[in-house]
Amino acid sequence: MLVEINFDGIVGPSHNYAGLSHGNLAATANAGRVSRPREAALEGVTKMRANLALGLTQGTLLPHDRPNDAWLAALATEYDAAPAYLRAQALSASAMWAANAATVSPAPDTGDGACHLTVANLMTMPHRSHEWPQTLAQLRLAFTDPAFSVHGPVPAPFGDEGAANHMRLCEQHGAPGVELFVYGEPGGRFPARQRREACEAVARAHRLDPVRTIFAQQSNEAIAAGAFHNDVVAVANERVLFAHEQAFEDKAALYAEIAAVAPWAEIVEVPAARVSLADAIASYLFNAQLVTPPDDAMTLIVPGEARDNAAVWGWLQDMLAGNGPIRRVEVVDVRQSMANGGGPACLRLRVVCDPATVDPRFLVDAAKLDRIAAVIEAHWPIEIAADSIADPTLIARIRAARAALLDALDLSDLLTVNPVA
C-alpha cells in the first residue's frame, strides 16, 4: 500500500549560525549568534514524535560528515588552514533541511511505475553545493529496492533545490497526480536558486506525463521579499494547494492550468491584505507540513512563530472557522531551525511509497526516537559560538557524535562516505 512518509533530517551536531545563505533573511539576521545543536536536534525529534501521534509514517535522514574534508581537499586546503569562510561552509549542518535532499515523483505519476528520486545539486550556495554526494549515498541505501529509481544530480550550471520547489496535487497519495515545478528567474537582489532547465530535466528523468506536469514561475516579488524557496510561500497536499496571493508570477495562468488537468483540486489562497509577504516569510506560515492523517482531517503543522504573529494566527483561526479543506492546525517548536532559516517543511522530504520497500533503518517508531534522543542528549554539543568553530576539540566532538548516532542506528557503513562533490 502506498502511503506518504515524511523523512525528517536529524539536526547535525555542527548546527551553527554562520549566516551563509544569501537571500534567507532569518539565516543572515542571526549570523554570529550562539547556536544550540542539542536543543535543535531534540526539537526535531519532538516534531517527529508529534507526526507519529497524528498517525503519520515517519522516517529520518542522517547528518553528514562535518567538516567536509574531501570538499576542502578539492579546494587544495584543509580545515585548520582554510580561510574562515571556507571553514564555515565546510562545517555547515544545512543537510538537516531534507526538503532540499531530492525531488520525488511517486510511482503512480511515472512512465515506468517506479518511484523516482533525483538528488538536488544545491549549486547556488557554496555551503550546500557539497551536500549531494552524501545525500545521494543515503538515498541509494534507503531506497535500494527495485521499486525506486534514484538519480544523480542535474549538472551545473542549472541550479536545483529539490522538493522545496516541487509540489504534487492528487486526489489521494496513491492515485496518479499532477506535478508542479516552481522555478525562479535571475536578476533580482537575491539569487533565484531553482532553474527551469533543472525542473525540466528532472521531469524528463522521472518519465512524467507532460500533460500532467506544470512549470510555474515563482514571483520575483516573493524572492525579493526573502522567499528563497517556493515552500516559503506555497505548499500542497493531495487535492489542496495552499499559497500566498503573491506566490506566483502569473497565478491566473497557473490556476487555469491546474483547473484544466486537475478539476478536483482546491486552491486555498491567503490574501496579501490579511497576511503580508513579510509576515508570511517571518512566520513561515507556508513552510508548514500540510498532511492527511488517518482520520482524513487535513492538518497544517506550523512553527510557533506562526502562532506568535497576530495577522497570521488571526487568519488561521478564520480559516478553521470556515468550511475549507484544511481542518486542523498543529503547532511545533523548531525555533533553532527557524533561526537558521528553516521551518517544519524544510526539515522533511516527502516520499509516497510502500514502507515495506524502504530500508527499515531509515524508518522510526517511538522506541527508535527514544534511542536517537538518548544519543543526542549524550553527544551533541550544547552550544556552538561563532568564534569556536576552529577549535579542534569541538570538531572531534562533532565527529564522535555523528559516529555514535550512526552506530546506534546500525548505519555505520555511512561513516566512510565522504566523496568529493
Foldseek 3Di string as FASTA:
>chain_A
DWDKEWAFEQQFLLQDQQLQAFLQVLSVVCHQPKFFRLVLRVLSLVVQQVCVVLVHFYFYDYWAQPQQQQQVVVVVHGLLPDPLVVNCLSGHRLVSQVQQQWAWDAQQFFPVSAIETEGFCQPPGSSCNQVHQLSLVRCCQFQVFPSYDYHYYDDPPAGGRHNLQKAWEAQALVHHIAIEGEWEDDDDPTGTRHHVVRVVVVCVVRRGDPLRYYYFYFAPVLSNLRCNTLLLAWYDDYQEIEGEPRGGNCVVVVVVSCCVRPVSHDYHYDYCVQPNSNNSNLQSQRLWDFDQGPVRQTETEGEPSQVVDVSSVVVVVVVCVDDDSRNYYHYGHSPSVVSNRHIPNSRIDMYTDDSVSTDCLRTDDPVVSVLLSVLSVVQRGRIDGSVCSSPVVSSVSSLVSSCSNCVSSVNNVSVPRSHHD
